[in-house]
Amino acid sequence: MSEMSTLYGVDTCAIMYSPYKSQPEVWPSPMGFQQVLSKLEMILEMEKSKNMLNQMTFLSQKITKVAEQLKNHCKENWEKEITQVIFNNICGKRVIHGLNFGALSDINLLLDKKMSDIDKSIAALAKAPLNPQEVSSSSSSSIVSLPPMTMVTPKVILRTST
C-alpha cells in the first residue's frame, strides 16, 4: 500500500482480514486509517464514487484492457504471418498452392490494406513540395530532385527443374 501511496501521490489505507488472525490488520495504523477516512468523508459524494473501485470493477477493467491488447497482438501476428506467406511466395517457395480459400482471402485483405497505405503515402508525397525553393529556409533537411522513374514490368521466367 505504501508503494501505491507513493506512486499515485494519494493517501491510502487498508483493512486486511486473515483466516489465521482473529483481528483484522489495519494499514498504515489505526490512527492513520482514521485520518484517511476523515479526509474521505470531507470529499463530495460524486467525487468519492468517481475515484473508488471495488475489486470486481477493477478486475473487469483490467480484463477488458488485456482482452483489447490480446486482440491487437493477434491482429499484428496475423499480418506478420500473411506477410511472411506473401514474401515466401515472391521468393519462389510456392506456399500459396496449399492454402485454403480463407487464407487466400486473408492475403487479399492484407494486400488491399497495403495498397491503400501505399496510395495514401503517394497522395501525401504528391502534396509535398518537390522544388527546394518552395521549402522554407528554416528547414534543416535538404530535398534532392530525382530523375523521373519508369515502370518496368517483370517478365515471366519459366523454371526448369534440374
Protein backbone atom coordinates (compact mmCIF):
# COMPACT_ATOMS: atom_id res chain seq x y z
CA MET A 1 0.00 0.00 0.00
CA SER A 2 2.85 2.40 0.70
CA GLU A 3 4.05 1.90 -2.88
CA MET A 4 0.60 2.85 -4.21
CA SER A 5 0.53 5.89 -1.97
CA THR A 6 3.97 6.98 -3.20
CA LEU A 7 3.35 6.10 -6.84
CA TYR A 8 -0.02 7.81 -7.18
CA GLY A 9 0.51 10.58 -4.65
CA VAL A 10 -2.65 9.79 -2.70
CA ASP A 11 -3.39 8.75 0.85
CA THR A 12 -4.19 5.04 1.11
CA CYS A 13 -5.40 2.73 3.81
CA ALA A 14 -6.47 -0.88 4.02
CA ILE A 15 -8.17 -3.35 6.28
CA MET A 16 -6.88 -6.87 5.73
CA TYR A 17 -8.68 -9.88 7.11
CA SER A 18 -6.88 -13.16 7.61
CA PRO A 19 -8.29 -16.56 8.46
CA TYR A 20 -5.25 -17.04 10.71
CA LYS A 21 -5.79 -13.94 12.87
CA SER A 22 -8.80 -13.04 14.96
CA GLN A 23 -8.37 -9.29 14.45
CA PRO A 24 -8.08 -7.56 11.04
CA GLU A 25 -4.81 -5.86 10.20
CA VAL A 26 -5.10 -2.10 9.62
CA TRP A 27 -2.65 -0.22 7.44
CA PRO A 28 -0.86 2.16 7.93
CA SER A 29 -2.06 2.24 11.56
CA PRO A 30 -5.43 2.63 13.27
CA MET A 31 -4.76 6.38 13.68
CA GLY A 32 -3.55 6.78 10.07
CA PHE A 33 -6.60 4.85 8.92
CA GLN A 34 -8.88 7.25 10.80
CA GLN A 35 -7.14 10.27 9.22
CA VAL A 36 -7.62 8.89 5.70
CA LEU A 37 -11.27 8.12 6.43
CA SER A 38 -11.91 11.60 7.81
CA LYS A 39 -10.37 13.13 4.62
CA LEU A 40 -12.53 10.83 2.52
CA GLU A 41 -15.68 11.89 4.36
CA MET A 42 -14.98 15.55 3.51
CA ILE A 43 -14.94 14.84 -0.24
CA LEU A 44 -18.21 15.21 -2.10
CA GLU A 45 -20.22 12.04 -2.72
CA MET A 46 -19.84 12.25 -6.51
CA GLU A 47 -16.11 12.77 -6.27
CA LYS A 48 -15.84 9.75 -3.97
CA SER A 49 -17.58 7.37 -6.33
CA LYS A 50 -15.52 8.61 -9.30
CA ASN A 51 -12.23 7.53 -7.71
CA MET A 52 -13.31 4.43 -5.82
CA LEU A 53 -13.24 0.93 -7.29
CA ASN A 54 -14.24 -2.35 -5.82
CA GLN A 55 -12.28 -5.44 -6.71
CA MET A 56 -14.85 -6.63 -9.26
CA THR A 57 -14.82 -3.31 -11.16
CA PHE A 58 -11.03 -3.14 -11.05
CA LEU A 59 -10.63 -6.68 -12.37
CA SER A 60 -13.26 -6.13 -15.04
CA GLN A 61 -11.41 -3.02 -16.29
CA LYS A 62 -8.12 -4.93 -16.32
CA ILE A 63 -9.68 -7.86 -18.20
CA THR A 64 -11.14 -5.51 -20.80
CA LYS A 65 -7.77 -3.82 -21.27
CA VAL A 66 -5.88 -7.11 -21.56
CA ALA A 67 -8.50 -8.50 -23.97
CA GLU A 68 -8.02 -5.45 -26.18
CA GLN A 69 -4.24 -5.90 -26.07
CA LEU A 70 -4.66 -9.58 -26.97
CA LYS A 71 -6.89 -8.64 -29.91
CA ASN A 72 -4.26 -6.16 -31.15
CA HIS A 73 -1.43 -8.68 -30.78
CA CYS A 74 -3.45 -11.33 -32.64
CA LYS A 75 -4.06 -8.86 -35.47
CA GLU A 76 -0.34 -7.98 -35.62
CA ASN A 77 0.61 -11.68 -35.64
CA TRP A 78 -1.93 -12.36 -38.39
CA GLU A 79 -0.46 -9.57 -40.52
CA LYS A 80 3.08 -10.86 -39.93
CA GLU A 81 2.10 -14.42 -40.85
CA ILE A 82 0.31 -13.37 -44.03
CA THR A 83 3.19 -11.05 -44.96
CA GLN A 84 5.59 -13.97 -44.50
CA VAL A 85 3.45 -16.14 -46.79
CA ILE A 86 3.45 -13.38 -49.42
CA PHE A 87 7.23 -12.94 -49.23
CA ASN A 88 7.81 -16.69 -49.39
CA ASN A 89 5.65 -16.86 -52.49
CA ILE A 90 7.51 -13.94 -54.08
CA CYS A 91 10.79 -15.73 -53.35
CA GLY A 92 9.52 -18.75 -55.27
CA LYS A 93 8.69 -21.08 -52.40
CA ARG A 94 5.17 -21.61 -53.82
CA VAL A 95 3.44 -21.67 -50.44
CA ILE A 96 0.17 -20.27 -51.80
CA HIS A 97 -0.70 -23.50 -53.63
CA GLY A 98 -1.56 -25.35 -50.42
CA LEU A 99 -3.71 -22.62 -48.87
CA ASN A 100 -7.47 -22.79 -48.44
CA PHE A 101 -9.94 -20.13 -49.55
CA GLY A 102 -9.97 -18.42 -46.13
CA ALA A 103 -6.20 -17.98 -46.13
CA LEU A 104 -6.26 -16.66 -49.69
CA SER A 105 -8.99 -14.24 -48.68
CA ASP A 106 -6.80 -13.07 -45.77
CA ILE A 107 -3.93 -12.50 -48.20
CA ASN A 108 -6.24 -10.48 -50.43
CA LEU A 109 -7.41 -8.35 -47.47
CA LEU A 110 -3.85 -7.63 -46.38
CA LEU A 111 -2.75 -6.78 -49.92
CA ASP A 112 -5.72 -4.41 -50.25
CA LYS A 113 -4.74 -2.76 -46.96
CA LYS A 114 -1.11 -2.41 -48.07
CA MET A 115 -2.20 -0.95 -51.42
CA SER A 116 -4.43 1.54 -49.61
CA ASP A 117 -1.49 2.52 -47.37
CA ILE A 118 0.70 2.98 -50.46
CA ASP A 119 -1.97 5.13 -52.14
CA LYS A 120 -2.17 7.32 -49.02
CA SER A 121 1.62 7.69 -48.97
CA ILE A 122 1.64 8.63 -52.65
CA ALA A 123 -1.09 11.21 -52.05
CA ALA A 124 0.85 12.67 -49.12
CA LEU A 125 4.03 12.84 -51.19
CA ALA A 126 2.14 14.46 -54.07
CA LYS A 127 1.12 17.29 -51.71
CA ALA A 128 4.71 17.81 -50.53
CA PRO A 129 6.73 20.37 -52.48
CA LEU A 130 9.43 18.89 -54.70
CA ASN A 131 11.11 22.19 -55.51
CA PRO A 132 13.80 23.22 -52.96
CA GLN A 133 12.87 26.92 -53.40
CA GLU A 134 9.35 26.18 -52.10
CA VAL A 135 10.71 24.81 -48.84
CA SER A 136 11.19 27.38 -46.09
CA SER A 137 14.74 28.37 -45.25
CA SER A 138 14.22 27.24 -41.65
CA SER A 139 14.03 23.63 -42.76
CA SER A 140 17.11 21.69 -41.75
CA SER A 141 16.67 18.91 -44.30
CA SER A 142 17.55 19.33 -47.96
CA ILE A 143 15.43 17.97 -50.78
CA VAL A 144 17.17 16.26 -53.66
CA SER A 145 15.50 16.13 -57.04
CA LEU A 146 15.48 12.64 -58.53
CA PRO A 147 15.31 11.77 -62.22
CA PRO A 148 11.93 10.56 -63.47
CA MET A 149 11.29 6.89 -62.92
CA THR A 150 9.90 4.46 -65.45
CA MET A 151 7.75 1.49 -64.56
CA VAL A 152 9.26 -1.85 -65.52
CA THR A 153 7.01 -4.85 -65.96
CA PRO A 154 8.68 -8.11 -64.93
CA LYS A 155 8.78 -10.88 -67.49
CA VAL A 156 7.66 -14.37 -66.63
CA ILE A 157 10.62 -16.68 -66.38
CA LEU A 158 9.84 -20.36 -66.62
CA ARG A 159 11.76 -22.53 -64.23
CA THR A 160 13.20 -25.79 -65.34
CA SER A 161 13.97 -28.47 -62.84
CA THR A 162 17.48 -29.83 -62.78
